[in-house]
Amino acid sequence: MCVLLYLIQTYRILLTIYKLLARLQHLNKIQVHLSWFLIKKEQKSVIGSVIQSVLGSVIQSGGLVLA
């Protein structure tokens, strides 16, 4: 009987650990998606600022000079 109780307790502990690891993995996936979104947003803002500065310098210089 003691062995059976021990096995049940061990099973419960392992199940709890498994559930915690699954939650951590889910949170990690959310964090990865969030960081990817933020990186993409940052890239877009960098590209936008580069385009804006190039267009600003073109406008200030009086237009494009075609070679």
C-alpha atoms as a PDB file:
ATOM      1  CA  MET A   1       0.000   0.000   0.000  1.00  0.00           C
ATOM      2  CA  CYS A   2       2.856   2.380   0.822  1.00  0.00           C
ATOM      3  CA  VAL A   3       4.417   1.773  -2.585  1.00  0.00           C
ATOM      4  CA  LEU A   4       1.132   2.617  -4.296  1.00  0.00           C
ATOM      5  CA  LEU A   5       0.807   5.892  -2.359  1.00  0.00           C
ATOM      6  CA  TYR A   6       4.409   6.730  -3.188  1.00  0.00           C
ATOM      7  CA  LEU A   7       3.775   6.102  -6.890  1.00  0.00           C
ATOM      8  CA  ILE A   8       0.631   8.241  -6.830  1.00  0.00           C
ATOM      9  CA  GLN A   9       2.469  11.111  -5.130  1.00  0.00           C
ATOM     10  CA  THR A  10       5.362  10.817  -7.571  1.00  0.00           C
ATOM     11  CA  TYR A  11       2.913  10.838 -10.477  1.00  0.00           C
ATOM     12  CA  ARG A  12       1.203  13.960  -9.123  1.00  0.00           C
ATOM     13  CA  ILE A  13       4.522  15.744  -8.660  1.00  0.00           C
ATOM     14  CA  LEU A  14       5.657  14.827 -12.170  1.00  0.00           C
ATOM     15  CA  LEU A  15       2.314  15.938 -13.593  1.00  0.00           C
ATOM     16  CA  THR A  16       2.596  19.270 -11.782  1.00  0.00           C
ATOM     17  CA  ILE A  17       6.134  19.764 -13.099  1.00  0.00           C
ATOM     18  CA  TYR A  18       4.952  18.890 -16.603  1.00  0.00           C
ATOM     19  CA  LYS A  19       2.105  21.411 -16.380  1.00  0.00           C
ATOM     20  CA  LEU A  20       4.472  24.122 -15.140  1.00  0.00           C
ATOM     21  CA  LEU A  21       6.905  23.405 -17.965  1.00  0.00           C
ATOM     22  CA  ALA A  22       4.061  23.546 -20.489  1.00  0.00           C
ATOM     23  CA  ARG A  23       3.003  26.944 -19.118  1.00  0.00           C
ATOM     24  CA  LEU A  24       6.575  28.209 -19.258  1.00  0.00           C
ATOM     25  CA  GLN A  25       6.908  26.998 -22.831  1.00  0.00           C
ATOM     26  CA  HIS A  26       3.664  28.759 -23.752  1.00  0.00           C
ATOM     27  CA  LEU A  27       4.879  31.967 -22.117  1.00  0.00           C
ATOM     28  CA  ASN A  28       8.174  31.599 -23.952  1.00  0.00           C
ATOM     29  CA  LYS A  29       6.306  31.303 -27.266  1.00  0.00           C
ATOM     30  CA  ILE A  30       4.334  34.436 -26.419  1.00  0.00           C
ATOM     31  CA  GLN A  31       7.570  36.231 -25.550  1.00  0.00           C
ATOM     32  CA  VAL A  32       9.179  35.131 -28.831  1.00  0.00           C
ATOM     33  CA  HIS A  33       6.163  36.330 -30.830  1.00  0.00           C
ATOM     34  CA  LEU A  34       6.126  39.620 -28.942  1.00  0.00           C
ATOM     35  CA  SER A  35       9.838  40.216 -29.453  1.00  0.00           C
ATOM     36  CA  TRP A  36       9.503  39.338 -33.165  1.00  0.00           C
ATOM     37  CA  PHE A  37       6.647  41.830 -33.467  1.00  0.00           C
ATOM     38  CA  LEU A  38       8.662  44.523 -31.701  1.00  0.00           C
ATOM     39  CA  ILE A  39      11.699  43.845 -33.896  1.00  0.00           C
ATOM     40  CA  LYS A  40       9.559  44.070 -37.033  1.00  0.00           C
ATOM     41  CA  LYS A  41       7.985  47.277 -35.758  1.00  0.00           C
ATOM     42  CA  GLU A  42      11.434  48.703 -35.007  1.00  0.00           C
ATOM     43  CA  GLN A  43      12.698  47.717 -38.458  1.00  0.00           C
ATOM     44  CA  LYS A  44       9.732  49.439 -40.069  1.00  0.00           C
ATOM     45  CA  SER A  45      10.363  52.593 -38.074  1.00  0.00           C
ATOM     46  CA  VAL A  46      14.070  52.546 -38.992  1.00  0.00           C
ATOM     47  CA  ILE A  47      13.242  52.028 -42.673  1.00  0.00           C
ATOM     48  CA  GLY A  48      10.626  54.771 -42.448  1.00  0.00           C
ATOM     49  CA  SER A  49      13.061  57.199 -40.872  1.00  0.00           C
ATOM     50  CA  VAL A  50      15.715  56.410 -43.499  1.00  0.00           C
ATOM     51  CA  ILE A  51      13.204  56.984 -46.312  1.00  0.00           C
ATOM     52  CA  GLN A  52      12.041  60.160 -44.621  1.00  0.00           C
ATOM     53  CA  SER A  53      15.579  61.507 -44.281  1.00  0.00           C
ATOM     54  CA  VAL A  54      16.438  60.610 -47.890  1.00  0.00           C
ATOM     55  CA  LEU A  55      13.281  62.282 -49.174  1.00  0.00           C
ATOM     56  CA  GLY A  56      13.969  65.278 -46.961  1.00  0.00           C
ATOM     57  CA  SER A  57      17.479  65.679 -48.347  1.00  0.00           C
ATOM     58  CA  VAL A  58      16.188  65.265 -51.911  1.00  0.00           C
ATOM     59  CA  ILE A  59      13.557  67.936 -51.326  1.00  0.00           C
ATOM     60  CA  GLN A  60      16.113  70.266 -49.726  1.00  0.00           C
ATOM     61  CA  SER A  61      18.596  69.814 -52.572  1.00  0.00           C
ATOM     62  CA  GLY A  62      15.939  70.704 -55.124  1.00  0.00           C
ATOM     63  CA  GLY A  63      15.086  67.337 -56.616  1.00  0.00           C
ATOM     64  CA  LEU A  64      16.724  64.276 -58.058  1.00  0.00           C
ATOM     65  CA  VAL A  65      19.707  64.596 -60.345  1.00  0.00           C
ATOM     66  CA  LEU A  66      19.526  61.893 -62.969  1.00  0.00           C
ATOM     67  CA  ALA A  67      22.882  60.690 -64.212  1.00  0.00           C
END
